[in-house]
Protein backbone atom coordinates (compact mmCIF):
# COMPACT_ATOMS: atom_id res chain seq x y z
CA MET A 1 250.21 67.30 138.17
CA THR A 2 249.35 63.78 137.81
CA SER A 3 248.63 62.28 134.24
CA VAL A 4 246.04 60.54 132.51
CA LYS A 5 245.36 57.12 132.51
CA HIS A 6 247.00 55.69 129.50
CA VAL A 7 247.94 52.29 127.61
CA PRO A 8 251.31 51.36 128.45
CA ILE A 9 253.77 53.17 126.11
CA VAL A 10 255.50 50.69 123.81
CA LYS A 11 258.52 51.52 121.58
CA LYS A 12 258.46 48.80 118.41
CA HIS A 13 261.79 50.25 117.61
CA LYS A 14 264.31 51.95 119.48
CA LYS A 15 267.23 51.48 117.40
CA ARG A 16 267.86 54.18 114.79
CA PHE A 17 267.65 53.37 111.08
CA ASN A 18 271.03 53.74 109.50
CA ARG A 19 271.82 54.82 105.93
CA HIS A 20 273.26 51.81 103.86
CA GLN A 21 276.90 51.22 104.24
CA SER A 22 277.01 54.44 106.53
CA ASP A 23 279.53 52.32 108.41
CA ARG A 24 281.92 51.78 105.73
CA PHE A 25 282.81 54.98 104.13
CA LYS A 26 282.95 58.39 106.17
CA CYS A 27 281.57 60.36 103.43
CA VAL A 28 278.22 58.12 103.85
CA ASP A 29 276.35 60.31 106.86
CA ALA A 30 274.17 57.89 109.23
CA SER A 31 270.69 59.94 108.47
CA TRP A 32 268.26 57.50 106.69
CA ARG A 33 267.92 57.44 103.25
CA LYS A 34 265.65 55.34 101.36
CA PRO A 35 267.78 52.99 98.70
CA LYS A 36 266.78 53.21 95.15
CA GLY A 37 269.57 51.35 93.61
CA ILE A 38 268.41 48.62 91.18
CA ASP A 39 270.66 45.87 92.99
CA ASN A 40 270.55 47.00 96.40
CA ARG A 41 270.02 43.85 98.92
CA VAL A 42 268.44 46.62 101.90
CA ARG A 43 265.86 47.69 99.34
CA ARG A 44 265.33 43.95 98.25
CA ARG A 45 264.98 42.89 102.09
CA PHE A 46 267.47 40.32 101.82
CA LYS A 47 267.97 38.15 105.27
CA GLY A 48 270.49 39.81 107.25
CA GLN A 49 270.15 43.48 105.97
CA ALA A 50 269.47 46.58 107.66
CA ALA A 51 265.63 47.02 108.41
CA MET A 52 264.12 49.67 106.47
CA PRO A 53 261.55 52.07 108.24
CA LYS A 54 257.78 51.09 107.71
CA ILE A 55 254.55 52.01 109.26
CA GLY A 56 254.39 48.84 111.12
CA TYR A 57 257.19 50.61 113.35
CA GLY A 58 254.79 53.37 114.37
CA SER A 59 253.65 53.80 117.66
CA ASN A 60 250.14 53.58 119.15
CA LYS A 61 248.27 56.63 118.14
CA LYS A 62 246.92 57.39 121.85
CA THR A 63 250.54 57.09 123.37
CA ARG A 64 252.44 58.90 120.27
CA HIS A 65 254.72 61.71 121.60
CA MET A 66 254.36 60.83 125.05
CA THR A 67 256.78 61.06 127.93
CA PRO A 68 257.44 58.18 130.08
CA SER A 69 255.46 60.40 132.82
CA GLY A 70 252.76 60.29 130.69
CA HIS A 71 252.21 63.98 129.33
CA LYS A 72 252.54 65.27 126.04
CA ALA A 73 255.38 68.15 126.11
CA PHE A 74 254.31 71.73 125.38
CA LEU A 75 256.96 74.38 124.46
CA VAL A 76 256.79 77.15 126.72
CA HIS A 77 258.81 80.41 125.84
CA ASN A 78 257.57 82.72 128.35
CA ALA A 79 255.76 82.71 131.82
CA ASN A 80 252.07 83.55 129.85
CA ASP A 81 252.73 80.74 128.08
CA VAL A 82 251.75 78.43 131.02
CA ASP A 83 248.57 79.74 131.46
CA LEU A 84 247.06 77.92 128.30
CA LEU A 85 248.30 74.78 130.29
CA LEU A 86 246.29 75.56 133.14
CA MET A 87 243.08 73.43 132.05
CA HIS A 88 245.50 70.63 130.44
CA ASN A 89 247.73 70.00 133.09
CA HIS A 90 246.87 66.21 133.46
CA SER A 91 247.57 65.62 129.57
CA PHE A 92 250.25 68.33 128.92
CA ALA A 93 253.83 69.24 130.39
CA ALA A 94 255.44 72.56 129.90
CA GLU A 95 258.93 72.30 128.30
CA ILE A 96 261.22 75.30 128.49
CA SER A 97 262.57 76.16 124.96
CA HIS A 98 266.11 76.37 124.61
CA ALA A 99 266.28 79.82 123.83
CA VAL A 100 265.27 81.14 127.32
CA SER A 101 267.58 82.82 129.66
CA SER A 102 267.93 81.36 133.19
CA ARG A 103 266.26 84.55 134.93
CA LYS A 104 263.04 84.12 132.78
CA ARG A 105 263.07 79.99 133.41
CA ILE A 106 262.82 80.70 137.25
CA GLU A 107 259.69 82.84 136.52
CA ILE A 108 258.56 80.35 133.88
CA ILE A 109 259.30 77.54 136.89
CA ALA A 110 257.40 79.36 139.71
CA LYS A 111 254.39 80.20 137.77
CA ALA A 112 254.64 76.51 136.72
CA LYS A 113 254.29 75.43 140.48
CA ALA A 114 251.47 77.74 141.57
CA LEU A 115 249.66 76.33 138.58
CA GLY A 116 250.05 72.96 139.37
CA VAL A 117 251.92 72.39 135.84
CA LYS A 118 254.86 70.04 135.08
CA VAL A 119 257.75 71.14 133.83
CA THR A 120 259.77 68.41 132.10
CA ASN A 121 263.40 70.26 131.94
CA PRO A 122 263.17 72.49 135.38
CA LYS A 123 266.96 71.84 136.10
CA GLY A 124 268.25 73.15 132.79
CA ARG A 125 270.45 76.46 133.23
CA VAL A 126 268.90 77.32 136.55
CA THR A 127 271.91 78.00 139.01
CA THR A 128 270.54 78.12 142.80
CA ASP A 129 272.33 80.58 144.63
CA VAL A 130 273.92 79.62 148.31
């Protein structure tokens, strides 16, 4: 259940990269697009302008896609998928897919607990009877 020892997880850029002038116009969505205009200030990297995504902002290869607990998420759709994580429970954690019903979620969580596999979202859509 505990994760493998790893180097500290460092996020070099936590803010989202927003599209140029998305704050000024409602019709310009915030999702990133590379500016291609000949006079664009962001493309020409003027001081004080928004930063563009580049390879230097990438995470360490060893800690990429790692959760804060030190596991990598593995999407699980049914209870049989948890068996795949039996030998890899130190490096991978089960993440229950959003389309799984609450009844099947309870089965998946019970099987994961029996096998010693960590579940990243055990409380999602599971109600306890009082």
